[in-house]
Amino acid sequence: MERTLLGDKSHTAIFDNAKLRRAVPTFRPRIAFRDGVRRTLNWFDADPVRRRLPPEDDAHIEKLLAAFAKAWPAGKIG
């Protein structure tokens, strides 16, 4: 049985600030990535309004999801 990850779990992401460090050699991050993510999530959680999309954005995302489902009905790309 083949097991696969679907949706945003199927893609990895690497966060690298090398380009910024080349452009600004004196740059030194003051906040660790995980702390920045935690602070960002806390900011969203502090006000429920921040967690809602405008209706037009929500409609656009639904349109994209429908197109994805039509193009890849099995949920797998490739």
PDB file of N, CA and C in Angstrom:
ATOM      1  N   MET A   1       0.845  -1.184   0.000  1.00  0.00           N
ATOM      2  CA  MET A   1       0.000   0.000   0.000  1.00  0.00           C
ATOM      3  C   MET A   1       0.889   1.245   0.000  1.00  0.00           C
ATOM      4  N   GLU A   2       0.659   2.125  -0.942  1.00  0.00           N
ATOM      5  CA  GLU A   2       1.430   3.359  -1.047  1.00  0.00           C
ATOM      6  C   GLU A   2       0.809   4.422  -0.150  1.00  0.00           C
ATOM      7  N   ARG A   3       1.641   5.077   0.628  1.00  0.00           N
ATOM      8  CA  ARG A   3       1.162   6.166   1.483  1.00  0.00           C
ATOM      9  C   ARG A   3       1.735   7.466   0.955  1.00  0.00           C
ATOM     10  N   THR A   4       0.902   8.465   0.831  1.00  0.00           N
ATOM     11  CA  THR A   4       1.355   9.764   0.346  1.00  0.00           C
ATOM     12  C   THR A   4       0.804  10.867   1.237  1.00  0.00           C
ATOM     13  N   LEU A   5       1.468  11.976   1.187  1.00  0.00           N
ATOM     14  CA  LEU A   5       0.986  13.165   1.882  1.00  0.00           C
ATOM     15  C   LEU A   5       0.219  14.014   0.881  1.00  0.00           C
ATOM     16  N   LEU A   6      -0.860  14.592   1.326  1.00  0.00           N
ATOM     17  CA  LEU A   6      -1.674  15.424   0.442  1.00  0.00           C
ATOM     18  C   LEU A   6      -1.639  16.872   0.895  1.00  0.00           C
ATOM     19  N   GLY A   7      -1.975  17.740  -0.037  1.00  0.00           N
ATOM     20  CA  GLY A   7      -2.081  19.158   0.282  1.00  0.00           C
ATOM     21  C   GLY A   7      -0.746  19.781   0.616  1.00  0.00           C
ATOM     22  N   ASP A   8      -0.783  20.747   1.539  1.00  0.00           N
ATOM     23  CA  ASP A   8       0.437  21.482   1.856  1.00  0.00           C
ATOM     24  C   ASP A   8       1.461  20.618   2.579  1.00  0.00           C
ATOM     25  N   LYS A   9       1.081  19.432   3.037  1.00  0.00           N
ATOM     26  CA  LYS A   9       2.020  18.540   3.723  1.00  0.00           C
ATOM     27  C   LYS A   9       2.943  17.834   2.737  1.00  0.00           C
ATOM     28  N   SER A  10       2.631  17.887   1.449  1.00  0.00           N
ATOM     29  CA  SER A  10       3.425  17.160   0.458  1.00  0.00           C
ATOM     30  C   SER A  10       4.612  17.962  -0.063  1.00  0.00           C
ATOM     31  N   HIS A  11       4.750  19.199   0.363  1.00  0.00           N
ATOM     32  CA  HIS A  11       5.839  20.047  -0.112  1.00  0.00           C
ATOM     33  C   HIS A  11       6.712  20.471   1.069  1.00  0.00           C
ATOM     34  N   THR A  12       8.000  20.396   0.861  1.00  0.00           N
ATOM     35  CA  THR A  12       8.892  20.873   1.907  1.00  0.00           C
ATOM     36  C   THR A  12       9.248  22.321   1.624  1.00  0.00           C
ATOM     37  N   ALA A  13       9.721  22.985   2.616  1.00  0.00           N
ATOM     38  CA  ALA A  13      10.128  24.378   2.444  1.00  0.00           C
ATOM     39  C   ALA A  13      11.413  24.594   3.234  1.00  0.00           C
ATOM     40  N   ILE A  14      12.317  25.290   2.630  1.00  0.00           N
ATOM     41  CA  ILE A  14      13.558  25.656   3.293  1.00  0.00           C
ATOM     42  C   ILE A  14      13.599  27.165   3.373  1.00  0.00           C
ATOM     43  N   PHE A  15      13.799  27.661   4.560  1.00  0.00           N
ATOM     44  CA  PHE A  15      13.852  29.093   4.761  1.00  0.00           C
ATOM     45  C   PHE A  15      15.316  29.477   4.922  1.00  0.00           C
ATOM     46  N   ASP A  16      15.811  30.198   3.952  1.00  0.00           N
ATOM     47  CA  ASP A  16      17.232  30.519   3.893  1.00  0.00           C
ATOM     48  C   ASP A  16      17.386  32.023   3.695  1.00  0.00           C
ATOM     49  N   ASN A  17      18.203  32.645   4.525  1.00  0.00           N
ATOM     50  CA  ASN A  17      18.391  34.081   4.390  1.00  0.00           C
ATOM     51  C   ASN A  17      19.735  34.419   3.748  1.00  0.00           C
ATOM     52  N   ALA A  18      20.323  33.463   3.013  1.00  0.00           N
ATOM     53  CA  ALA A  18      21.638  33.675   2.393  1.00  0.00           C
ATOM     54  C   ALA A  18      21.624  34.866   1.424  1.00  0.00           C
ATOM     55  N   LYS A  19      20.566  35.002   0.636  1.00  0.00           N
ATOM     56  CA  LYS A  19      20.496  36.109  -0.322  1.00  0.00           C
ATOM     57  C   LYS A  19      20.481  37.448   0.421  1.00  0.00           C
ATOM     58  N   LEU A  20      19.720  37.509   1.483  1.00  0.00           N
ATOM     59  CA  LEU A  20      19.684  38.730   2.285  1.00  0.00           C
ATOM     60  C   LEU A  20      21.056  39.007   2.890  1.00  0.00           C
ATOM     61  N   ARG A  21      21.718  37.967   3.401  1.00  0.00           N
ATOM     62  CA  ARG A  21      23.034  38.163   4.016  1.00  0.00           C
ATOM     63  C   ARG A  21      24.071  38.622   2.988  1.00  0.00           C
ATOM     64  N   ARG A  22      23.936  38.173   1.733  1.00  0.00           N
ATOM     65  CA  ARG A  22      24.845  38.657   0.676  1.00  0.00           C
ATOM     66  C   ARG A  22      24.587  40.126   0.375  1.00  0.00           C
ATOM     67  N   ALA A  23      23.331  40.521   0.346  1.00  0.00           N
ATOM     68  CA  ALA A  23      22.971  41.904   0.037  1.00  0.00           C
ATOM     69  C   ALA A  23      23.263  42.843   1.211  1.00  0.00           C
ATOM     70  N   VAL A  24      23.106  42.323   2.416  1.00  0.00           N
ATOM     71  CA  VAL A  24      23.316  43.131   3.621  1.00  0.00           C
ATOM     72  C   VAL A  24      24.207  42.313   4.566  1.00  0.00           C
ATOM     73  N   PRO A  25      25.518  42.353   4.341  1.00  0.00           N
ATOM     74  CA  PRO A  25      26.425  41.499   5.125  1.00  0.00           C
ATOM     75  C   PRO A  25      26.337  41.687   6.636  1.00  0.00           C
ATOM     76  N   THR A  26      25.881  42.830   7.080  1.00  0.00           N
ATOM     77  CA  THR A  26      25.793  43.058   8.525  1.00  0.00           C
ATOM     78  C   THR A  26      24.494  42.532   9.137  1.00  0.00           C
ATOM     79  N   PHE A  27      23.600  41.980   8.298  1.00  0.00           N
ATOM     80  CA  PHE A  27      22.331  41.458   8.802  1.00  0.00           C
ATOM     81  C   PHE A  27      22.576  40.298   9.763  1.00  0.00           C
ATOM     82  N   ARG A  28      21.920  40.363  10.901  1.00  0.00           N
ATOM     83  CA  ARG A  28      21.925  39.282  11.880  1.00  0.00           C
ATOM     84  C   ARG A  28      20.503  39.154  12.413  1.00  0.00           C
ATOM     85  N   PRO A  29      19.874  37.998  12.221  1.00  0.00           N
ATOM     86  CA  PRO A  29      18.509  37.853  12.730  1.00  0.00           C
ATOM     87  C   PRO A  29      18.490  37.964  14.248  1.00  0.00           C
ATOM     88  N   ARG A  30      17.492  38.653  14.759  1.00  0.00           N
ATOM     89  CA  ARG A  30      17.359  38.812  16.207  1.00  0.00           C
ATOM     90  C   ARG A  30      16.298  37.884  16.781  1.00  0.00           C
ATOM     91  N   ILE A  31      15.476  37.327  15.907  1.00  0.00           N
ATOM     92  CA  ILE A  31      14.397  36.445  16.345  1.00  0.00           C
ATOM     93  C   ILE A  31      14.556  35.119  15.617  1.00  0.00           C
ATOM     94  N   ALA A  32      14.613  34.024  16.357  1.00  0.00           N
ATOM     95  CA  ALA A  32      14.704  32.692  15.753  1.00  0.00           C
ATOM     96  C   ALA A  32      13.440  32.421  14.947  1.00  0.00           C
ATOM     97  N   PHE A  33      13.570  31.645  13.882  1.00  0.00           N
ATOM     98  CA  PHE A  33      12.434  31.363  13.009  1.00  0.00           C
ATOM     99  C   PHE A  33      11.248  30.831  13.804  1.00  0.00           C
ATOM    100  N   ARG A  34      11.479  29.826  14.650  1.00  0.00           N
ATOM    101  CA  ARG A  34      10.344  29.229  15.371  1.00  0.00           C
ATOM    102  C   ARG A  34       9.689  30.242  16.309  1.00  0.00           C
ATOM    103  N   ASP A  35      10.490  31.138  16.892  1.00  0.00           N
ATOM    104  CA  ASP A  35       9.905  32.172  17.755  1.00  0.00           C
ATOM    105  C   ASP A  35       9.093  33.173  16.933  1.00  0.00           C
ATOM    106  N   GLY A  36       9.583  33.499  15.749  1.00  0.00           N
ATOM    107  CA  GLY A  36       8.848  34.404  14.870  1.00  0.00           C
ATOM    108  C   GLY A  36       7.532  33.806  14.421  1.00  0.00           C
ATOM    109  N   VAL A  37       7.533  32.516  14.093  1.00  0.00           N
ATOM    110  CA  VAL A  37       6.291  31.842  13.706  1.00  0.00           C
ATOM    111  C   VAL A  37       5.326  31.836  14.884  1.00  0.00           C
ATOM    112  N   ARG A  38       5.826  31.520  16.062  1.00  0.00           N
ATOM    113  CA  ARG A  38       4.977  31.500  17.262  1.00  0.00           C
ATOM    114  C   ARG A  38       4.365  32.886  17.506  1.00  0.00           C
ATOM    115  N   ARG A  39       5.187  33.930  17.383  1.00  0.00           N
ATOM    116  CA  ARG A  39       4.681  35.292  17.593  1.00  0.00           C
ATOM    117  C   ARG A  39       3.627  35.650  16.552  1.00  0.00           C
ATOM    118  N   THR A  40       3.860  35.238  15.305  1.00  0.00           N
ATOM    119  CA  THR A  40       2.899  35.512  14.235  1.00  0.00           C
ATOM    120  C   THR A  40       1.570  34.817  14.507  1.00  0.00           C
ATOM    121  N   LEU A  41       1.620  33.543  14.888  1.00  0.00           N
ATOM    122  CA  LEU A  41       0.389  32.806  15.186  1.00  0.00           C
ATOM    123  C   LEU A  41      -0.344  33.419  16.376  1.00  0.00           C
ATOM    124  N   ASN A  42       0.404  33.829  17.384  1.00  0.00           N
ATOM    125  CA  ASN A  42      -0.229  34.493  18.528  1.00  0.00           C
ATOM    126  C   ASN A  42      -0.909  35.787  18.113  1.00  0.00           C
ATOM    127  N   TRP A  43      -0.285  36.515  17.175  1.00  0.00           N
ATOM    128  CA  TRP A  43      -0.882  37.757  16.680  1.00  0.00           C
ATOM    129  C   TRP A  43      -2.219  37.465  16.006  1.00  0.00           C
ATOM    130  N   PHE A  44      -2.261  36.423  15.157  1.00  0.00           N
ATOM    131  CA  PHE A  44      -3.519  36.053  14.507  1.00  0.00           C
ATOM    132  C   PHE A  44      -4.553  35.604  15.527  1.00  0.00           C
ATOM    133  N   ASP A  45      -4.115  34.831  16.519  1.00  0.00           N
ATOM    134  CA  ASP A  45      -5.049  34.329  17.527  1.00  0.00           C
ATOM    135  C   ASP A  45      -5.597  35.429  18.430  1.00  0.00           C
ATOM    136  N   ALA A  46      -4.874  36.528  18.574  1.00  0.00           N
ATOM    137  CA  ALA A  46      -5.298  37.606  19.471  1.00  0.00           C
ATOM    138  C   ALA A  46      -6.566  38.306  18.998  1.00  0.00           C
ATOM    139  N   ASP A  47      -6.863  38.235  17.714  1.00  0.00           N
ATOM    140  CA  ASP A  47      -8.038  38.908  17.174  1.00  0.00           C
ATOM    141  C   ASP A  47      -8.654  38.016  16.098  1.00  0.00           C
ATOM    142  N   PRO A  48      -9.783  37.394  16.355  1.00  0.00           N
ATOM    143  CA  PRO A  48     -10.399  36.467  15.390  1.00  0.00           C
ATOM    144  C   PRO A  48     -10.646  37.086  14.013  1.00  0.00           C
ATOM    145  N   VAL A  49     -10.810  38.404  13.947  1.00  0.00           N
ATOM    146  CA  VAL A  49     -11.028  39.055  12.650  1.00  0.00           C
ATOM    147  C   VAL A  49      -9.821  38.833  11.730  1.00  0.00           C
ATOM    148  N   ARG A  50      -8.634  38.749  12.316  1.00  0.00           N
ATOM    149  CA  ARG A  50      -7.421  38.538  11.519  1.00  0.00           C
ATOM    150  C   ARG A  50      -7.377  37.157  10.877  1.00  0.00           C
ATOM    151  N   ARG A  51      -8.218  36.255  11.344  1.00  0.00           N
ATOM    152  CA  ARG A  51      -8.205  34.889  10.838  1.00  0.00           C
ATOM    153  C   ARG A  51      -9.211  34.666   9.709  1.00  0.00           C
ATOM    154  N   ARG A  52      -9.915  35.714   9.324  1.00  0.00           N
ATOM    155  CA  ARG A  52     -10.913  35.607   8.258  1.00  0.00           C
ATOM    156  C   ARG A  52     -10.405  36.249   6.982  1.00  0.00           C
ATOM    157  N   LEU A  53     -10.682  35.572   5.873  1.00  0.00           N
ATOM    158  CA  LEU A  53     -10.347  36.142   4.568  1.00  0.00           C
ATOM    159  C   LEU A  53     -11.496  36.997   4.081  1.00  0.00           C
ATOM    160  N   PRO A  54     -11.181  38.032   3.315  1.00  0.00           N
ATOM    161  CA  PRO A  54     -12.267  38.759   2.646  1.00  0.00           C
ATOM    162  C   PRO A  54     -13.005  37.787   1.713  1.00  0.00           C
ATOM    163  N   PRO A  55     -14.306  37.937   1.557  1.00  0.00           N
ATOM    164  CA  PRO A  55     -15.085  37.002   0.730  1.00  0.00           C
ATOM    165  C   PRO A  55     -14.517  36.810  -0.671  1.00  0.00           C
ATOM    166  N   GLU A  56     -14.000  37.875  -1.289  1.00  0.00           N
ATOM    167  CA  GLU A  56     -13.464  37.726  -2.646  1.00  0.00           C
ATOM    168  C   GLU A  56     -12.204  36.864  -2.665  1.00  0.00           C
ATOM    169  N   ASP A  57     -11.388  36.942  -1.630  1.00  0.00           N
ATOM    170  CA  ASP A  57     -10.206  36.076  -1.542  1.00  0.00           C
ATOM    171  C   ASP A  57     -10.617  34.633  -1.305  1.00  0.00           C
ATOM    172  N   ASP A  58     -11.593  34.441  -0.428  1.00  0.00           N
ATOM    173  CA  ASP A  58     -12.082  33.101  -0.153  1.00  0.00           C
ATOM    174  C   ASP A  58     -12.658  32.468  -1.416  1.00  0.00           C
ATOM    175  N   ALA A  59     -13.404  33.240  -2.186  1.00  0.00           N
ATOM    176  CA  ALA A  59     -13.985  32.736  -3.438  1.00  0.00           C
ATOM    177  C   ALA A  59     -12.886  32.369  -4.429  1.00  0.00           C
ATOM    178  N   HIS A  60     -11.841  33.162  -4.504  1.00  0.00           N
ATOM    179  CA  HIS A  60     -10.723  32.873  -5.403  1.00  0.00           C
ATOM    180  C   HIS A  60     -10.033  31.575  -5.003  1.00  0.00           C
ATOM    181  N   ILE A  61      -9.814  31.377  -3.725  1.00  0.00           N
ATOM    182  CA  ILE A  61      -9.179  30.145  -3.261  1.00  0.00           C
ATOM    183  C   ILE A  61     -10.058  28.938  -3.567  1.00  0.00           C
ATOM    184  N   GLU A  62     -11.357  29.060  -3.369  1.00  0.00           N
ATOM    185  CA  GLU A  62     -12.273  27.963  -3.694  1.00  0.00           C
ATOM    186  C   GLU A  62     -12.214  27.628  -5.182  1.00  0.00           C
ATOM    187  N   LYS A  63     -12.097  28.646  -6.028  1.00  0.00           N
ATOM    188  CA  LYS A  63     -11.987  28.437  -7.471  1.00  0.00           C
ATOM    189  C   LYS A  63     -10.697  27.684  -7.807  1.00  0.00           C
ATOM    190  N   LEU A  64      -9.599  28.061  -7.170  1.00  0.00           N
ATOM    191  CA  LEU A  64      -8.333  27.367  -7.387  1.00  0.00           C
ATOM    192  C   LEU A  64      -8.409  25.910  -6.931  1.00  0.00           C
ATOM    193  N   LEU A  65      -9.017  25.677  -5.774  1.00  0.00           N
ATOM    194  CA  LEU A  65      -9.154  24.310  -5.276  1.00  0.00           C
ATOM    195  C   LEU A  65     -10.009  23.459  -6.200  1.00  0.00           C
ATOM    196  N   ALA A  66     -11.069  24.034  -6.738  1.00  0.00           N
ATOM    197  CA  ALA A  66     -11.918  23.295  -7.674  1.00  0.00           C
ATOM    198  C   ALA A  66     -11.157  22.947  -8.945  1.00  0.00           C
ATOM    199  N   ALA A  67     -10.348  23.884  -9.445  1.00  0.00           N
ATOM    200  CA  ALA A  67      -9.545  23.618 -10.642  1.00  0.00           C
ATOM    201  C   ALA A  67      -8.515  22.529 -10.363  1.00  0.00           C
ATOM    202  N   PHE A  68      -7.907  22.565  -9.196  1.00  0.00           N
ATOM    203  CA  PHE A  68      -6.949  21.526  -8.813  1.00  0.00           C
ATOM    204  C   PHE A  68      -7.633  20.165  -8.768  1.00  0.00           C
ATOM    205  N   ALA A  69      -8.795  20.101  -8.131  1.00  0.00           N
ATOM    206  CA  ALA A  69      -9.517  18.835  -8.018  1.00  0.00           C
ATOM    207  C   ALA A  69      -9.910  18.289  -9.387  1.00  0.00           C
ATOM    208  N   LYS A  70     -10.242  19.181 -10.303  1.00  0.00           N
ATOM    209  CA  LYS A  70     -10.614  18.750 -11.658  1.00  0.00           C
ATOM    210  C   LYS A  70      -9.388  18.243 -12.415  1.00  0.00           C
ATOM    211  N   ALA A  71      -8.246  18.922 -12.271  1.00  0.00           N
ATOM    212  CA  ALA A  71      -7.035  18.555 -12.987  1.00  0.00           C
ATOM    213  C   ALA A  71      -6.398  17.300 -12.413  1.00  0.00           C
ATOM    214  N   TRP A  72      -6.480  17.123 -11.105  1.00  0.00           N
ATOM    215  CA  TRP A  72      -5.863  15.970 -10.442  1.00  0.00           C
ATOM    216  C   TRP A  72      -6.865  15.327  -9.509  1.00  0.00           C
ATOM    217  N   PRO A  73      -7.841  14.591 -10.074  1.00  0.00           N
ATOM    218  CA  PRO A  73      -8.910  14.027  -9.248  1.00  0.00           C
ATOM    219  C   PRO A  73      -8.411  13.054  -8.179  1.00  0.00           C
ATOM    220  N   ALA A  74      -7.276  12.409  -8.402  1.00  0.00           N
ATOM    221  CA  ALA A  74      -6.758  11.464  -7.408  1.00  0.00           C
ATOM    222  C   ALA A  74      -6.003  12.198  -6.300  1.00  0.00           C
ATOM    223  N   GLY A  75      -5.841  13.512  -6.427  1.00  0.00           N
ATOM    224  CA  GLY A  75      -5.150  14.284  -5.403  1.00  0.00           C
ATOM    225  C   GLY A  75      -3.651  14.238  -5.502  1.00  0.00           C
ATOM    226  N   LYS A  76      -3.136  13.608  -6.565  1.00  0.00           N
ATOM    227  CA  LYS A  76      -1.694  13.511  -6.741  1.00  0.00           C
ATOM    228  C   LYS A  76      -1.286  14.227  -8.030  1.00  0.00           C
ATOM    229  N   ILE A  77      -0.233  15.012  -7.942  1.00  0.00           N
ATOM    230  CA  ILE A  77       0.293  15.686  -9.130  1.00  0.00           C
ATOM    231  C   ILE A  77       1.352  14.794  -9.750  1.00  0.00           C
ATOM    232  N   GLY A  78       1.246  14.626 -11.051  1.00  0.00           N
ATOM    233  CA  GLY A  78       2.297  13.874 -11.752  1.00  0.00           C
ATOM    234  C   GLY A  78       1.962  12.493 -12.108  1.00  0.00           C
TER     235      GLY A  78
END
